[in-house]
Protein backbone atom coordinates (compact mmCIF):
# COMPACT_ATOMS: atom_id res chain seq x y z
CA MET A 1 32.56 110.24 130.26
CA ALA A 2 35.03 109.97 133.39
CA ALA A 3 37.76 109.33 130.95
CA TYR A 4 36.72 112.74 128.99
CA ALA A 5 36.46 115.07 131.76
CA ARG A 6 39.56 113.29 133.63
CA ALA A 7 41.44 114.26 130.11
CA GLU A 8 40.12 117.83 129.89
CA GLU A 9 41.07 117.92 133.68
CA ILE A 10 44.49 117.64 133.23
CA LEU A 11 45.17 119.61 129.32
CA LYS A 12 43.57 122.70 131.56
CA LYS A 13 46.25 121.64 134.53
CA HIS A 14 48.96 121.55 132.70
CA LYS A 15 47.71 124.35 129.64
CA LYS A 16 50.94 126.87 130.12
CA GLN A 17 53.11 123.48 129.37
CA LEU A 18 51.97 122.42 126.63
CA ASP A 19 51.36 125.96 124.77
CA SER A 20 54.94 127.06 125.52
CA VAL A 21 55.96 123.22 123.94
CA ALA A 22 53.49 124.00 121.22
CA ASN A 23 55.15 127.59 120.19
CA ALA A 24 58.68 126.02 120.61
CA LEU A 25 57.90 123.57 117.63
CA LEU A 26 56.04 126.40 115.43
CA GLU A 27 59.32 127.74 115.68
CA LEU A 28 61.79 124.30 115.99
CA GLU A 29 59.60 122.06 113.82
CA THR A 30 61.32 119.31 116.44
CA LEU A 31 62.71 118.46 119.73
CA ASP A 32 64.78 116.25 121.45
CA GLY A 33 63.84 115.20 124.71
CA VAL A 34 66.47 117.50 126.73
CA GLN A 35 64.46 120.63 125.26
CA PHE A 36 61.27 118.89 125.71
CA LYS A 37 62.26 118.83 129.56
CA ALA A 38 63.30 122.14 129.85
CA LEU A 39 60.21 123.64 128.11
CA TYR A 40 58.07 121.42 130.35
CA ASP A 41 59.98 121.98 133.63
CA GLY A 42 59.86 125.96 132.64
CA LYS A 43 63.69 126.24 132.76
CA THR A 44 63.81 127.98 129.50
CA THR A 45 60.96 129.92 127.18
CA ALA A 46 60.00 129.05 123.43
CA LYS A 47 61.31 132.35 122.21
CA LYS A 48 65.12 131.52 124.53
CA LEU A 49 64.70 127.86 122.85
CA ALA A 50 64.69 128.86 119.24
CA GLU A 51 67.58 131.62 120.04
CA GLU A 52 69.64 129.27 121.68
CA VAL A 53 68.54 126.98 118.59
CA LYS A 54 69.29 128.90 116.16
CA ALA A 55 72.62 130.38 117.97
CA GLN A 56 73.54 126.84 117.36
CA GLU A 57 72.98 125.99 113.85
CA HIS A 58 74.71 129.20 113.26
CA LEU A 59 78.00 127.71 114.94
CA THR A 60 77.76 124.29 114.03
CA ARG A 61 77.52 126.12 109.91
CA ILE A 62 80.20 128.71 110.71
CA ARG A 63 82.54 125.02 111.93
CA ASN A 64 81.03 123.39 108.57
CA GLU A 65 82.00 126.15 106.67
CA GLU A 66 85.53 126.44 108.26
CA GLU A 67 86.01 122.95 107.74
CA ALA A 68 85.37 122.85 103.77
CA ALA A 69 87.55 125.98 103.80
CA GLY A 70 89.82 124.37 104.81
CA MET A 71 89.73 120.94 102.95
CA ASN A 72 89.68 123.31 99.62
CA LYS A 73 92.60 124.82 100.88
CA LEU A 74 94.12 121.24 101.07
CA ILE A 75 93.22 120.09 97.73
CA ALA A 76 94.58 123.01 96.29
CA GLN A 77 98.02 122.45 97.91
CA GLN A 78 97.67 119.17 96.85
CA GLU A 79 96.73 120.12 93.19
CA GLU A 80 99.51 122.76 92.78
CA ASP A 81 102.34 120.44 94.44
CA GLU A 82 100.89 117.53 91.34
CA ALA A 83 101.47 120.36 88.78
CA ARG A 84 104.62 121.25 90.45
CA GLU A 85 106.37 117.23 89.92
CA MET A 86 104.64 116.96 86.51
CA MET A 87 106.64 120.35 85.56
CA GLU A 88 109.40 119.15 87.43
CA LEU A 89 109.45 115.71 85.69
CA SER A 90 108.62 117.32 82.42
CA ASN A 91 111.37 120.15 82.44
CA ASP A 92 113.66 117.37 83.69
CA ASP A 93 113.21 115.46 80.11
CA MET A 94 113.64 118.94 78.48
CA PRO A 95 116.78 120.00 76.76
CA THR A 96 117.97 123.63 77.71
CA GLU A 97 118.47 126.74 76.04
CA GLU A 98 121.75 125.67 75.63
CA GLU A 99 121.39 122.41 73.95
CA LEU A 100 118.59 123.21 71.94
CA ALA A 101 121.25 126.43 70.80
CA VAL A 102 123.60 123.44 69.89
CA TYR A 103 120.90 121.34 68.23
CA ASP A 104 119.94 124.81 66.07
CA ARG A 105 123.12 125.33 64.94
CA ASP A 106 123.62 121.70 63.65
CA TYR A 107 120.53 121.47 61.65
CA PHE A 108 121.19 125.08 60.06
CA LYS A 109 124.60 123.63 59.02
CA GLU A 110 123.00 120.49 57.32
CA ASP A 111 120.85 122.20 55.61
CA VAL A 112 123.65 124.69 53.77
CA THR A 113 126.12 121.86 53.33
CA GLU A 114 123.39 119.82 51.62
CA ALA A 115 122.14 122.48 49.53
CA PRO A 116 124.81 121.83 46.79
CA LYS A 117 123.97 118.28 46.61
CA ALA A 118 120.11 118.98 45.89
CA GLU A 119 120.75 121.46 42.65
CA ALA A 120 123.63 118.45 41.05
CA LYS A 121 122.43 117.68 37.85
CA PRO A 122 120.22 114.51 37.75
CA LYS A 123 121.82 111.41 36.47
CA LYS A 124 120.71 108.99 33.19
CA ALA A 125 117.84 107.17 34.32
CA THR A 126 119.70 103.58 33.42
CA ALA A 127 123.08 104.71 35.07
CA LYS A 128 120.56 104.92 38.27
CA ALA A 129 119.16 101.79 38.33
CA GLU A 130 123.14 100.42 38.05
CA GLU A 131 124.22 101.95 40.92
CA GLU A 132 120.72 101.25 43.26
CA PRO A 133 120.50 97.92 44.46
CA ASP A 134 116.46 97.02 44.12
CA THR A 135 114.87 97.17 47.51
CA LYS A 136 111.80 96.21 46.16
CA ALA A 137 110.10 92.67 47.82
CA PRO A 138 109.18 89.88 44.86
CA THR A 139 106.05 90.54 43.87
CA ARG A 140 104.13 87.08 43.28
CA THR A 141 101.87 86.83 40.34
CA ARG A 142 98.63 84.47 39.97
CA LYS A 143 98.82 81.83 37.77
CA PRO A 144 96.02 81.58 35.42
CA LYS A 145 93.62 78.35 36.80
CA ALA A 146 94.85 76.13 34.04
CA GLU A 147 98.23 76.16 35.37
CA ALA A 148 97.20 76.35 38.72
CA ALA A 149 94.90 73.06 38.03
CA ASP A 150 98.19 71.45 35.60
CA ASP A 151 100.18 72.23 38.42
CA SER A 152 97.97 70.17 41.14
CA LYS A 153 97.96 67.29 38.91
CA ALA A 154 101.85 67.11 38.53
CA LYS A 155 102.20 67.47 42.60
CA THR A 156 100.00 64.37 42.61
CA GLN A 157 101.68 62.27 40.30
CA THR A 158 105.25 63.10 41.60
CA GLU A 159 103.54 61.80 45.11
CA GLU A 160 102.13 58.27 43.99
CA LYS A 161 105.60 57.82 42.97
CA VAL A 162 107.23 58.64 46.13
CA LYS A 163 106.79 55.48 48.56
CA PRO A 164 107.94 55.28 51.72
CA ALA A 165 110.87 52.65 52.27
CA PRO A 166 109.67 50.06 54.08
CA LYS A 167 110.15 49.48 57.70
CA LYS A 168 112.85 47.63 58.65
CA PRO A 169 111.71 44.56 61.12
CA SER A 170 112.93 44.66 64.50
CA PRO A 171 115.31 42.10 65.46
CA LYS A 172 114.33 39.45 67.59
CA LYS A 173 114.99 38.87 70.87
CA THR A 174 115.97 35.49 72.06
CA THR A 175 113.84 33.92 74.37
CA LYS A 176 114.43 30.49 76.51
CA LYS A 177 112.80 28.38 74.14
CA ASP A 178 114.79 29.42 71.31
CA GLU A 179 117.59 28.43 72.89
């Protein structure tokens, strides 16, 4: 029982410091080494420590919000710059109002000059066929199976008739024995 009595004595002797640490833990939930030492040594109270920590957290939150706002401004500026660059690139490719007006005038002139041609009487079908060349590609028709079979027989017969030319003997090289 001596150990139990010794532990009780230590706790009673340091009760004020332990109560201060306990109150700080109830308010803050966590303490670092510096905070614990300040509480234990009596340099600060649990309320003062809680206020200091909350003030520190508030300052940190404000700094983080300012940093986030600054980053959002940078991102917005980059997006504006990119949009401006895209507009400049697309404006370079776009014709000016004057160029469009010239195009419109030319386009409408073509419509007016082509209108009488469209009203001309159609030519006879035979005359049209003679004047216009046939641009259609020739179409292939399938042969009936009987004709296709006859064609394959004819090919084999012609292949049999044509025989490759005999190979010419290569000239012999003279050797010492031949001499």
